[in-house]
Amino acid sequence: MKVLLVNGSPNKNGCTYTALSEIQNTLKDNDIDSEILYLGKAPLNDCIGCGKCRETGKCIFDDYVNETIERLDEFDGIIVGSPVYYAGPTGRICSFLDRLFYAASPKLQSKFAASIVSCRRGGASSSFDRLNKYFTINNMPIVPSQYWNSVHGNTPDEVRKDIEGLQTMRTLASNMAWLLKLKKIAEENGIPNPKHEEQIYTNFIK
């Protein structure tokens, strides 16, 4: 079993990475593999709503999104991390997730998911809420923790002093590991993922 950890910060080894590393270490302690995907500093294209991914199964912009789509079957869970920018996640992580979910939502459904955020002081809850909406629209069970998944600090050293925040990361990882193991037991006993009705779309026009 393996979990994909997405670092949506432009700072490779910053506060978000520090929180994700705490999660990664706890997953390892629970015999769950993981991998941190760093999205880099280069510009990341936004979704332009062209719809080509509906025909090809991949995005017209060939970058981290397509690389992730090709590897989604390797991962049983996903945890997305971002720093707080003006009370929201980074544009980088939102662009990545917009395109990933638009192009590959069927491959993501039924995977366990969670988000984590890092901030200096405020904006954590609104950022956390924004990221979780990707999962709730796509039949992805959200893994809980003991508190909302945030760490506080302006530097990695300050984050390491946020002992409650780091404990929240460890609890999240332990819960992710436990649920993944339960899912494996279910699969081994012939209990499939939920079957969903064909989705109905309605538009409201006045």
N, C-alpha and C. Protein backbone atom coordinates (compact mmCIF):
# COMPACT_ATOMS: atom_id res chain seq x y z
N MET A 1 0.84 -1.19 0.00
CA MET A 1 0.00 0.00 0.00
C MET A 1 0.88 1.24 0.00
N LYS A 2 0.40 2.26 -0.71
CA LYS A 2 1.24 3.45 -0.89
C LYS A 2 0.38 4.70 -0.94
N VAL A 3 0.91 5.79 -0.37
CA VAL A 3 0.20 7.07 -0.32
C VAL A 3 1.03 8.11 -1.06
N LEU A 4 0.36 8.90 -1.89
CA LEU A 4 1.00 10.01 -2.57
C LEU A 4 0.83 11.27 -1.73
N LEU A 5 1.94 11.92 -1.41
CA LEU A 5 1.95 13.16 -0.65
C LEU A 5 2.36 14.28 -1.60
N VAL A 6 1.49 15.24 -1.82
CA VAL A 6 1.75 16.31 -2.79
C VAL A 6 2.14 17.58 -2.05
N ASN A 7 3.33 18.07 -2.35
CA ASN A 7 3.83 19.31 -1.75
C ASN A 7 3.53 20.47 -2.69
N GLY A 8 2.50 21.25 -2.35
CA GLY A 8 2.08 22.36 -3.20
C GLY A 8 2.76 23.67 -2.90
N SER A 9 3.83 23.63 -2.12
CA SER A 9 4.59 24.84 -1.82
C SER A 9 5.71 25.03 -2.84
N PRO A 10 6.02 26.28 -3.19
CA PRO A 10 7.18 26.50 -4.06
C PRO A 10 8.50 26.25 -3.35
N ASN A 11 8.46 26.16 -2.02
CA ASN A 11 9.67 25.91 -1.23
C ASN A 11 9.78 24.42 -0.94
N LYS A 12 10.74 23.78 -1.57
CA LYS A 12 10.81 22.32 -1.54
C LYS A 12 10.91 21.75 -0.13
N ASN A 13 11.70 22.40 0.73
CA ASN A 13 11.94 21.87 2.07
C ASN A 13 11.43 22.83 3.15
N GLY A 14 10.31 23.49 2.87
CA GLY A 14 9.76 24.48 3.78
C GLY A 14 8.81 23.90 4.81
N CYS A 15 7.87 24.72 5.24
CA CYS A 15 6.95 24.34 6.32
C CYS A 15 6.01 23.21 5.90
N THR A 16 5.50 23.28 4.67
CA THR A 16 4.60 22.23 4.19
C THR A 16 5.32 20.89 4.12
N TYR A 17 6.55 20.92 3.62
CA TYR A 17 7.37 19.71 3.57
C TYR A 17 7.60 19.14 4.97
N THR A 18 7.82 20.02 5.94
CA THR A 18 8.06 19.58 7.31
C THR A 18 6.86 18.81 7.84
N ALA A 19 5.66 19.31 7.56
CA ALA A 19 4.44 18.62 7.98
C ALA A 19 4.26 17.29 7.24
N LEU A 20 4.50 17.30 5.94
CA LEU A 20 4.37 16.09 5.14
C LEU A 20 5.39 15.02 5.57
N SER A 21 6.57 15.47 5.96
CA SER A 21 7.60 14.52 6.42
C SER A 21 7.18 13.83 7.71
N GLU A 22 6.50 14.57 8.59
CA GLU A 22 5.98 13.96 9.82
C GLU A 22 4.97 12.87 9.48
N ILE A 23 4.14 13.15 8.50
CA ILE A 23 3.17 12.16 8.02
C ILE A 23 3.89 10.96 7.41
N GLN A 24 4.88 11.24 6.58
CA GLN A 24 5.61 10.16 5.91
C GLN A 24 6.29 9.23 6.92
N ASN A 25 6.88 9.80 7.94
CA ASN A 25 7.56 8.97 8.96
C ASN A 25 6.57 8.09 9.70
N THR A 26 5.40 8.63 10.01
CA THR A 26 4.40 7.84 10.72
C THR A 26 3.81 6.75 9.83
N LEU A 27 3.60 7.06 8.56
CA LEU A 27 3.15 6.02 7.63
C LEU A 27 4.15 4.88 7.57
N LYS A 28 5.42 5.23 7.52
CA LYS A 28 6.46 4.20 7.49
C LYS A 28 6.42 3.34 8.74
N ASP A 29 6.21 3.97 9.89
CA ASP A 29 6.10 3.22 11.14
C ASP A 29 4.92 2.24 11.12
N ASN A 30 3.93 2.54 10.28
CA ASN A 30 2.74 1.69 10.16
C ASN A 30 2.80 0.80 8.91
N ASP A 31 4.00 0.64 8.36
CA ASP A 31 4.23 -0.25 7.21
C ASP A 31 3.49 0.19 5.95
N ILE A 32 3.33 1.50 5.78
CA ILE A 32 2.72 2.06 4.57
C ILE A 32 3.78 2.86 3.82
N ASP A 33 3.98 2.55 2.55
CA ASP A 33 4.91 3.31 1.72
C ASP A 33 4.30 4.65 1.34
N SER A 34 5.16 5.60 1.05
CA SER A 34 4.68 6.90 0.59
C SER A 34 5.74 7.56 -0.27
N GLU A 35 5.31 8.57 -0.98
CA GLU A 35 6.20 9.33 -1.87
C GLU A 35 5.76 10.78 -1.88
N ILE A 36 6.71 11.70 -1.71
CA ILE A 36 6.39 13.12 -1.76
C ILE A 36 6.62 13.64 -3.17
N LEU A 37 5.58 14.20 -3.77
CA LEU A 37 5.68 14.83 -5.08
C LEU A 37 5.80 16.33 -4.89
N TYR A 38 6.95 16.89 -5.25
CA TYR A 38 7.18 18.33 -5.19
C TYR A 38 6.88 18.93 -6.55
N LEU A 39 6.01 19.92 -6.58
CA LEU A 39 5.56 20.49 -7.85
C LEU A 39 6.49 21.54 -8.43
N GLY A 40 7.58 21.85 -7.73
CA GLY A 40 8.59 22.73 -8.27
C GLY A 40 8.23 24.21 -8.21
N LYS A 41 9.10 25.02 -8.82
CA LYS A 41 8.91 26.47 -8.84
C LYS A 41 8.49 26.99 -10.21
N ALA A 42 8.62 26.17 -11.24
CA ALA A 42 8.27 26.63 -12.59
C ALA A 42 6.77 26.87 -12.71
N PRO A 43 6.35 27.76 -13.61
CA PRO A 43 4.91 28.01 -13.80
C PRO A 43 4.17 26.73 -14.12
N LEU A 44 2.97 26.60 -13.57
CA LEU A 44 2.12 25.44 -13.81
C LEU A 44 0.84 25.92 -14.47
N ASN A 45 0.53 25.37 -15.62
CA ASN A 45 -0.64 25.84 -16.38
C ASN A 45 -1.94 25.62 -15.63
N ASP A 46 -2.86 26.57 -15.79
CA ASP A 46 -4.22 26.41 -15.30
C ASP A 46 -5.02 25.54 -16.26
N CYS A 47 -6.12 24.97 -15.77
CA CYS A 47 -7.07 24.31 -16.65
C CYS A 47 -7.74 25.36 -17.53
N ILE A 48 -7.80 25.09 -18.83
CA ILE A 48 -8.43 26.05 -19.75
C ILE A 48 -9.79 25.55 -20.24
N GLY A 49 -10.28 24.47 -19.67
CA GLY A 49 -11.61 23.98 -19.99
C GLY A 49 -11.80 23.55 -21.43
N CYS A 50 -10.73 23.05 -22.06
CA CYS A 50 -10.82 22.68 -23.48
C CYS A 50 -11.55 21.34 -23.67
N GLY A 51 -11.57 20.49 -22.65
CA GLY A 51 -12.27 19.22 -22.74
C GLY A 51 -11.51 18.12 -23.45
N LYS A 52 -10.30 18.37 -23.88
CA LYS A 52 -9.53 17.35 -24.59
C LYS A 52 -9.25 16.13 -23.72
N CYS A 53 -9.14 16.33 -22.41
CA CYS A 53 -8.87 15.20 -21.52
C CYS A 53 -10.00 14.20 -21.52
N ARG A 54 -11.21 14.65 -21.86
CA ARG A 54 -12.34 13.73 -21.96
C ARG A 54 -12.16 12.74 -23.10
N GLU A 55 -11.40 13.13 -24.11
CA GLU A 55 -11.16 12.28 -25.27
C GLU A 55 -9.92 11.40 -25.09
N THR A 56 -8.90 11.96 -24.42
CA THR A 56 -7.60 11.28 -24.36
C THR A 56 -7.27 10.68 -23.00
N GLY A 57 -7.94 11.16 -21.94
CA GLY A 57 -7.62 10.69 -20.60
C GLY A 57 -6.41 11.36 -20.00
N LYS A 58 -5.88 12.35 -20.67
CA LYS A 58 -4.75 13.11 -20.12
C LYS A 58 -4.90 14.58 -20.53
N CYS A 59 -4.14 15.43 -19.85
CA CYS A 59 -4.23 16.87 -20.08
C CYS A 59 -3.39 17.27 -21.29
N ILE A 60 -3.81 18.34 -21.97
CA ILE A 60 -3.04 18.82 -23.13
C ILE A 60 -1.71 19.42 -22.70
N PHE A 61 -1.62 19.84 -21.43
CA PHE A 61 -0.35 20.35 -20.90
C PHE A 61 0.40 19.19 -20.27
N ASP A 62 1.54 18.85 -20.83
CA ASP A 62 2.25 17.64 -20.42
C ASP A 62 3.26 17.97 -19.32
N ASP A 63 2.85 17.79 -18.08
CA ASP A 63 3.71 18.12 -16.95
C ASP A 63 3.41 17.17 -15.79
N TYR A 64 3.52 17.66 -14.57
CA TYR A 64 3.30 16.81 -13.39
C TYR A 64 1.92 16.17 -13.37
N VAL A 65 0.94 16.84 -13.97
CA VAL A 65 -0.41 16.29 -13.96
C VAL A 65 -0.46 14.97 -14.71
N ASN A 66 0.04 14.96 -15.93
CA ASN A 66 0.03 13.71 -16.72
C ASN A 66 0.91 12.64 -16.11
N GLU A 67 2.04 13.05 -15.54
CA GLU A 67 2.90 12.07 -14.88
C GLU A 67 2.16 11.41 -13.71
N THR A 68 1.38 12.21 -12.99
CA THR A 68 0.62 11.66 -11.86
C THR A 68 -0.52 10.78 -12.34
N ILE A 69 -1.21 11.19 -13.40
CA ILE A 69 -2.31 10.38 -13.95
C ILE A 69 -1.80 8.99 -14.33
N GLU A 70 -0.64 8.93 -14.96
CA GLU A 70 -0.08 7.65 -15.40
C GLU A 70 0.25 6.73 -14.23
N ARG A 71 0.46 7.33 -13.05
CA ARG A 71 0.90 6.53 -11.90
C ARG A 71 -0.18 6.34 -10.84
N LEU A 72 -1.39 6.84 -11.07
CA LEU A 72 -2.41 6.82 -10.03
C LEU A 72 -2.73 5.42 -9.51
N ASP A 73 -2.61 4.43 -10.35
CA ASP A 73 -2.92 3.06 -9.91
C ASP A 73 -1.92 2.56 -8.86
N GLU A 74 -0.78 3.22 -8.74
CA GLU A 74 0.22 2.82 -7.74
C GLU A 74 -0.19 3.22 -6.33
N PHE A 75 -1.10 4.20 -6.22
CA PHE A 75 -1.39 4.81 -4.93
C PHE A 75 -2.78 4.44 -4.43
N ASP A 76 -2.85 4.16 -3.14
CA ASP A 76 -4.11 3.82 -2.50
C ASP A 76 -4.73 5.02 -1.79
N GLY A 77 -3.91 6.04 -1.55
CA GLY A 77 -4.39 7.24 -0.88
C GLY A 77 -3.60 8.45 -1.35
N ILE A 78 -4.14 9.63 -1.06
CA ILE A 78 -3.47 10.87 -1.45
C ILE A 78 -3.65 11.90 -0.34
N ILE A 79 -2.56 12.59 -0.01
CA ILE A 79 -2.60 13.70 0.94
C ILE A 79 -1.99 14.91 0.26
N VAL A 80 -2.74 15.99 0.22
CA VAL A 80 -2.34 17.20 -0.48
C VAL A 80 -1.96 18.26 0.53
N GLY A 81 -0.79 18.89 0.36
CA GLY A 81 -0.35 19.91 1.28
C GLY A 81 -0.09 21.24 0.60
N SER A 82 -0.39 22.32 1.31
CA SER A 82 -0.17 23.66 0.77
C SER A 82 0.07 24.66 1.89
N PRO A 83 0.92 25.65 1.64
CA PRO A 83 0.96 26.79 2.54
C PRO A 83 -0.26 27.67 2.31
N VAL A 84 -0.51 28.57 3.23
CA VAL A 84 -1.64 29.50 3.12
C VAL A 84 -1.17 30.79 2.46
N TYR A 85 -1.81 31.13 1.34
CA TYR A 85 -1.56 32.40 0.66
C TYR A 85 -2.86 33.18 0.65
N TYR A 86 -2.90 34.28 1.38
CA TYR A 86 -4.10 35.12 1.43
C TYR A 86 -5.35 34.29 1.75
N ALA A 87 -5.25 33.49 2.79
CA ALA A 87 -6.36 32.68 3.31
C ALA A 87 -6.82 31.61 2.34
N GLY A 88 -5.94 31.19 1.43
CA GLY A 88 -6.27 30.12 0.50
C GLY A 88 -5.03 29.31 0.15
N PRO A 89 -5.22 28.17 -0.52
CA PRO A 89 -4.08 27.37 -0.97
C PRO A 89 -3.32 28.10 -2.08
N THR A 90 -2.15 27.64 -2.40
CA THR A 90 -1.38 28.26 -3.49
C THR A 90 -2.09 28.05 -4.83
N GLY A 91 -1.89 28.98 -5.73
CA GLY A 91 -2.40 28.81 -7.09
C GLY A 91 -1.83 27.57 -7.74
N ARG A 92 -0.61 27.24 -7.39
CA ARG A 92 0.08 26.07 -7.95
C ARG A 92 -0.69 24.78 -7.64
N ILE A 93 -1.03 24.59 -6.37
CA ILE A 93 -1.71 23.35 -6.01
C ILE A 93 -3.12 23.31 -6.58
N CYS A 94 -3.78 24.47 -6.64
CA CYS A 94 -5.14 24.49 -7.20
C CYS A 94 -5.11 24.19 -8.70
N SER A 95 -4.14 24.73 -9.42
CA SER A 95 -4.03 24.44 -10.85
C SER A 95 -3.76 22.96 -11.08
N PHE A 96 -2.88 22.40 -10.26
CA PHE A 96 -2.57 20.96 -10.35
C PHE A 96 -3.82 20.13 -10.10
N LEU A 97 -4.55 20.44 -9.04
CA LEU A 97 -5.71 19.63 -8.69
C LEU A 97 -6.87 19.86 -9.65
N ASP A 98 -7.08 21.09 -10.12
CA ASP A 98 -8.13 21.34 -11.11
C ASP A 98 -7.95 20.42 -12.32
N ARG A 99 -6.75 20.37 -12.83
CA ARG A 99 -6.49 19.59 -14.04
C ARG A 99 -6.47 18.10 -13.75
N LEU A 100 -5.91 17.70 -12.61
CA LEU A 100 -5.86 16.28 -12.25
C LEU A 100 -7.27 15.71 -12.09
N PHE A 101 -8.11 16.42 -11.35
CA PHE A 101 -9.45 15.91 -11.08
C PHE A 101 -10.33 15.98 -12.33
N TYR A 102 -10.14 16.98 -13.17
CA TYR A 102 -10.94 17.08 -14.38
C TYR A 102 -10.58 15.97 -15.36
N ALA A 103 -9.29 15.64 -15.43
CA ALA A 103 -8.84 14.65 -16.41
C ALA A 103 -8.93 13.22 -15.91
N ALA A 104 -8.85 13.03 -14.59
CA ALA A 104 -8.70 11.65 -14.09
C ALA A 104 -9.59 11.34 -12.90
N SER A 105 -10.75 11.96 -12.81
CA SER A 105 -11.61 11.73 -11.64
C SER A 105 -11.97 10.26 -11.44
N PRO A 106 -12.25 9.47 -12.49
CA PRO A 106 -12.58 8.06 -12.24
C PRO A 106 -11.45 7.29 -11.56
N LYS A 107 -10.21 7.61 -11.87
CA LYS A 107 -9.08 6.92 -11.26
C LYS A 107 -8.88 7.29 -9.80
N LEU A 108 -9.41 8.44 -9.41
CA LEU A 108 -9.24 8.93 -8.04
C LEU A 108 -10.36 8.46 -7.11
N GLN A 109 -11.52 8.14 -7.67
CA GLN A 109 -12.67 7.79 -6.84
C GLN A 109 -12.37 6.58 -5.96
N SER A 110 -12.85 6.65 -4.73
CA SER A 110 -12.72 5.61 -3.70
C SER A 110 -11.33 5.54 -3.06
N LYS A 111 -10.39 6.37 -3.51
CA LYS A 111 -9.11 6.44 -2.80
C LYS A 111 -9.30 7.29 -1.55
N PHE A 112 -8.64 6.91 -0.46
CA PHE A 112 -8.68 7.72 0.75
C PHE A 112 -7.88 8.99 0.53
N ALA A 113 -8.37 10.10 1.10
CA ALA A 113 -7.74 11.38 0.84
C ALA A 113 -7.74 12.27 2.07
N ALA A 114 -6.83 13.24 2.06
CA ALA A 114 -6.78 14.25 3.13
C ALA A 114 -5.98 15.42 2.61
N SER A 115 -6.13 16.55 3.29
CA SER A 115 -5.32 17.73 2.98
C SER A 115 -4.71 18.26 4.26
N ILE A 116 -3.57 18.94 4.11
CA ILE A 116 -2.93 19.60 5.24
C ILE A 116 -2.48 20.98 4.78
N VAL A 117 -2.44 21.92 5.70
CA VAL A 117 -2.01 23.28 5.37
C VAL A 117 -1.03 23.79 6.42
N SER A 118 -0.18 24.71 6.01
CA SER A 118 0.73 25.36 6.94
C SER A 118 0.56 26.87 6.82
N CYS A 119 0.59 27.54 7.94
CA CYS A 119 0.43 28.99 7.91
C CYS A 119 1.23 29.64 9.04
N ARG A 120 1.50 30.91 8.85
CA ARG A 120 2.18 31.65 9.91
C ARG A 120 1.23 31.89 11.07
N ARG A 121 -0.02 32.32 10.73
CA ARG A 121 -0.94 32.67 11.81
C ARG A 121 -2.39 32.34 11.46
N GLY A 122 -2.96 32.93 10.39
CA GLY A 122 -4.37 32.75 10.08
C GLY A 122 -4.58 32.23 8.66
N GLY A 123 -5.85 31.89 8.37
CA GLY A 123 -6.21 31.43 7.03
C GLY A 123 -6.17 29.93 6.85
N ALA A 124 -5.82 29.20 7.93
CA ALA A 124 -5.68 27.75 7.79
C ALA A 124 -7.01 27.07 7.49
N SER A 125 -8.06 27.44 8.21
CA SER A 125 -9.33 26.74 8.06
C SER A 125 -9.94 26.93 6.67
N SER A 126 -9.86 28.13 6.14
CA SER A 126 -10.42 28.37 4.80
C SER A 126 -9.62 27.64 3.73
N SER A 127 -8.31 27.56 3.90
CA SER A 127 -7.48 26.82 2.95
C SER A 127 -7.76 25.33 3.01
N PHE A 128 -7.89 24.83 4.23
CA PHE A 128 -8.20 23.42 4.47
C PHE A 128 -9.54 23.05 3.84
N ASP A 129 -10.52 23.90 4.01
CA ASP A 129 -11.86 23.69 3.44
C ASP A 129 -11.80 23.65 1.92
N ARG A 130 -11.05 24.57 1.34
CA ARG A 130 -10.94 24.64 -0.13
C ARG A 130 -10.38 23.34 -0.71
N LEU A 131 -9.33 22.84 -0.10
CA LEU A 131 -8.70 21.62 -0.61
C LEU A 131 -9.59 20.39 -0.45
N ASN A 132 -10.31 20.31 0.66
CA ASN A 132 -11.16 19.14 0.88
C ASN A 132 -12.30 19.04 -0.12
N LYS A 133 -12.68 20.14 -0.73
CA LYS A 133 -13.78 20.10 -1.70
C LYS A 133 -13.45 19.27 -2.93
N TYR A 134 -12.18 19.14 -3.26
CA TYR A 134 -11.81 18.27 -4.38
C TYR A 134 -12.22 16.83 -4.09
N PHE A 135 -12.11 16.42 -2.84
CA PHE A 135 -12.38 15.03 -2.48
C PHE A 135 -13.88 14.77 -2.35
N THR A 136 -14.59 15.72 -1.74
CA THR A 136 -16.01 15.48 -1.48
C THR A 136 -16.84 15.49 -2.75
N ILE A 137 -16.34 16.09 -3.83
CA ILE A 137 -17.07 16.09 -5.10
C ILE A 137 -16.79 14.83 -5.90
N ASN A 138 -15.87 13.99 -5.40
CA ASN A 138 -15.40 12.88 -6.23
C ASN A 138 -15.42 11.53 -5.51
N ASN A 139 -16.34 11.36 -4.56
CA ASN A 139 -16.50 10.07 -3.88
C ASN A 139 -15.20 9.54 -3.28
N MET A 140 -14.45 10.44 -2.63
CA MET A 140 -13.20 10.05 -1.99
C MET A 140 -13.35 10.21 -0.48
N PRO A 141 -13.32 9.12 0.28
CA PRO A 141 -13.45 9.23 1.73
C PRO A 141 -12.31 10.05 2.34
N ILE A 142 -12.67 11.04 3.16
CA ILE A 142 -11.68 11.90 3.77
C ILE A 142 -11.23 11.32 5.11
N VAL A 143 -9.94 11.22 5.28
CA VAL A 143 -9.36 10.66 6.51
C VAL A 143 -9.30 11.77 7.57
N PRO A 144 -9.79 11.49 8.79
CA PRO A 144 -9.81 12.50 9.83
C PRO A 144 -8.54 12.51 10.67
N SER A 145 -8.46 13.52 11.53
CA SER A 145 -7.43 13.56 12.56
C SER A 145 -8.07 14.07 13.84
N GLN A 146 -7.27 14.48 14.79
CA GLN A 146 -7.78 14.93 16.08
C GLN A 146 -8.16 16.41 16.07
N TYR A 147 -7.73 17.11 15.03
CA TYR A 147 -8.00 18.54 14.88
C TYR A 147 -7.92 18.84 13.39
N TRP A 148 -8.26 20.06 12.99
CA TRP A 148 -8.09 20.41 11.58
C TRP A 148 -6.62 20.35 11.23
N ASN A 149 -6.32 19.84 10.04
CA ASN A 149 -4.95 19.48 9.69
C ASN A 149 -4.10 20.69 9.32
N SER A 150 -3.56 21.35 10.33
CA SER A 150 -2.74 22.53 10.08
C SER A 150 -1.55 22.56 11.03
N VAL A 151 -0.47 23.14 10.53
CA VAL A 151 0.69 23.45 11.37
C VAL A 151 0.94 24.95 11.27
N HIS A 152 1.53 25.49 12.32
CA HIS A 152 1.78 26.93 12.37
C HIS A 152 3.27 27.21 12.54
N GLY A 153 3.73 28.21 11.81
CA GLY A 153 5.13 28.62 11.89
C GLY A 153 5.54 29.31 10.61
N ASN A 154 6.52 30.18 10.71
CA ASN A 154 7.00 30.91 9.54
C ASN A 154 8.24 30.27 8.93
N THR A 155 8.81 29.31 9.64
CA THR A 155 9.97 28.58 9.17
C THR A 155 9.81 27.12 9.58
N PRO A 156 10.54 26.21 8.93
CA PRO A 156 10.48 24.81 9.35
C PRO A 156 10.83 24.61 10.83
N ASP A 157 11.79 25.38 11.34
CA ASP A 157 12.15 25.26 12.75
C ASP A 157 10.98 25.64 13.65
N GLU A 158 10.23 26.68 13.26
CA GLU A 158 9.07 27.08 14.04
C GLU A 158 7.98 26.01 13.97
N VAL A 159 7.80 25.40 12.80
CA VAL A 159 6.81 24.33 12.66
C VAL A 159 7.16 23.16 13.57
N ARG A 160 8.44 22.86 13.68
CA ARG A 160 8.86 21.75 14.53
C ARG A 160 8.58 22.03 16.01
N LYS A 161 8.33 23.29 16.35
CA LYS A 161 7.95 23.64 17.73
C LYS A 161 6.44 23.59 17.94
N ASP A 162 5.69 23.44 16.85
CA ASP A 162 4.23 23.32 16.96
C ASP A 162 3.89 21.87 17.28
N ILE A 163 4.02 21.52 18.54
CA ILE A 163 3.90 20.11 18.92
C ILE A 163 2.48 19.58 18.72
N GLU A 164 1.47 20.45 18.88
CA GLU A 164 0.11 19.99 18.62
C GLU A 164 -0.11 19.76 17.14
N GLY A 165 0.40 20.68 16.32
CA GLY A 165 0.25 20.52 14.87
C GLY A 165 0.91 19.25 14.36
N LEU A 166 2.10 18.97 14.83
CA LEU A 166 2.80 17.76 14.40
C LEU A 166 2.10 16.51 14.90
N GLN A 167 1.54 16.57 16.10
CA GLN A 167 0.76 15.43 16.59
C GLN A 167 -0.46 15.20 15.71
N THR A 168 -1.08 16.29 15.27
CA THR A 168 -2.22 16.17 14.35
C THR A 168 -1.81 15.48 13.07
N MET A 169 -0.60 15.78 12.56
CA MET A 169 -0.10 15.13 11.35
C MET A 169 0.10 13.63 11.60
N ARG A 170 0.65 13.29 12.75
CA ARG A 170 0.88 11.87 13.06
C ARG A 170 -0.43 11.11 13.22
N THR A 171 -1.41 11.75 13.86
CA THR A 171 -2.71 11.10 14.01
C THR A 171 -3.36 10.88 12.65
N LEU A 172 -3.25 11.87 11.78
CA LEU A 172 -3.77 11.73 10.41
C LEU A 172 -3.13 10.53 9.72
N ALA A 173 -1.82 10.44 9.82
CA ALA A 173 -1.11 9.34 9.16
C ALA A 173 -1.51 7.99 9.73
N SER A 174 -1.66 7.91 11.05
CA SER A 174 -2.07 6.66 11.69
C SER A 174 -3.47 6.25 11.23
N ASN A 175 -4.36 7.23 11.13
CA ASN A 175 -5.72 6.93 10.67
C ASN A 175 -5.72 6.50 9.21
N MET A 176 -4.90 7.14 8.39
CA MET A 176 -4.79 6.75 6.98
C MET A 176 -4.31 5.30 6.88
N ALA A 177 -3.28 4.96 7.64
CA ALA A 177 -2.74 3.60 7.61
C ALA A 177 -3.80 2.58 8.04
N TRP A 178 -4.51 2.89 9.11
CA TRP A 178 -5.55 1.98 9.62
C TRP A 178 -6.65 1.76 8.60
N LEU A 179 -7.10 2.83 7.97
CA LEU A 179 -8.17 2.69 6.98
C LEU A 179 -7.71 1.94 5.74
N LEU A 180 -6.48 2.17 5.32
CA LEU A 180 -5.96 1.43 4.17
C LEU A 180 -5.89 -0.07 4.46
N LYS A 181 -5.50 -0.41 5.67
CA LYS A 181 -5.43 -1.83 6.05
C LYS A 181 -6.83 -2.45 6.12
N LEU A 182 -7.79 -1.68 6.62
CA LEU A 182 -9.17 -2.17 6.64
C LEU A 182 -9.70 -2.39 5.24
N LYS A 183 -9.37 -1.46 4.34
CA LYS A 183 -9.82 -1.59 2.95
C LYS A 183 -9.22 -2.84 2.31
N LYS A 184 -7.97 -3.12 2.62
CA LYS A 184 -7.33 -4.31 2.06
C LYS A 184 -8.03 -5.57 2.56
N ILE A 185 -8.38 -5.59 3.84
CA ILE A 185 -9.12 -6.73 4.40
C ILE A 185 -10.47 -6.89 3.70
N ALA A 186 -11.13 -5.76 3.45
CA ALA A 186 -12.43 -5.80 2.76
C ALA A 186 -12.28 -6.39 1.37
N GLU A 187 -11.26 -5.95 0.65
CA GLU A 187 -11.03 -6.45 -0.70
C GLU A 187 -10.73 -7.94 -0.69
N GLU A 188 -9.95 -8.39 0.29
CA GLU A 188 -9.59 -9.81 0.39
C GLU A 188 -10.80 -10.68 0.72
N ASN A 189 -11.83 -10.05 1.29
CA ASN A 189 -13.04 -10.79 1.65
C ASN A 189 -14.19 -10.52 0.68
N GLY A 190 -13.84 -10.00 -0.48
CA GLY A 190 -14.83 -9.83 -1.54
C GLY A 190 -15.80 -8.68 -1.35
N ILE A 191 -15.44 -7.72 -0.51
CA ILE A 191 -16.29 -6.54 -0.33
C ILE A 191 -15.79 -5.44 -1.25
N PRO A 192 -16.54 -5.11 -2.30
CA PRO A 192 -16.06 -4.15 -3.29
C PRO A 192 -16.27 -2.70 -2.84
N ASN A 193 -15.70 -1.79 -3.59
CA ASN A 193 -15.98 -0.37 -3.37
C ASN A 193 -17.46 -0.10 -3.66
N PRO A 194 -18.02 0.96 -3.09
CA PRO A 194 -19.43 1.27 -3.36
C PRO A 194 -19.69 1.47 -4.86
N LYS A 195 -20.86 1.02 -5.29
CA LYS A 195 -21.28 1.28 -6.66
C LYS A 195 -22.17 2.52 -6.66
N HIS A 196 -21.92 3.41 -7.61
CA HIS A 196 -22.65 4.67 -7.63
C HIS A 196 -23.55 4.75 -8.86
N GLU A 197 -24.65 5.43 -8.70
CA GLU A 197 -25.53 5.67 -9.83
C GLU A 197 -24.83 6.56 -10.87
N GLU A 198 -25.30 6.47 -12.10
CA GLU A 198 -24.81 7.39 -13.11
C GLU A 198 -25.19 8.81 -12.68
N GLN A 199 -24.20 9.70 -12.72
CA GLN A 199 -24.42 11.03 -12.16
C GLN A 199 -25.43 11.83 -12.98
N ILE A 200 -26.30 12.53 -12.26
CA ILE A 200 -27.29 13.40 -12.88
C ILE A 200 -26.81 14.83 -12.78
N TYR A 201 -26.87 15.56 -13.88
CA TYR A 201 -26.47 16.96 -13.90
C TYR A 201 -27.70 17.83 -14.18
N THR A 202 -27.88 18.87 -13.40
CA THR A 202 -28.98 19.81 -13.63
C THR A 202 -28.44 21.22 -13.69
N ASN A 203 -29.02 22.01 -14.57
CA ASN A 203 -28.68 23.44 -14.66
C ASN A 203 -29.90 24.25 -14.29
N PHE A 204 -29.69 25.34 -13.59
CA PHE A 204 -30.79 26.19 -13.17
C PHE A 204 -30.75 27.49 -13.96
N ILE A 205 -31.79 27.69 -14.76
CA ILE A 205 -31.85 28.85 -15.63
C ILE A 205 -33.10 29.63 -15.29
N LYS A 206 -32.94 30.92 -15.04
CA LYS A 206 -34.09 31.77 -14.76
C LYS A 206 -34.44 32.59 -16.02
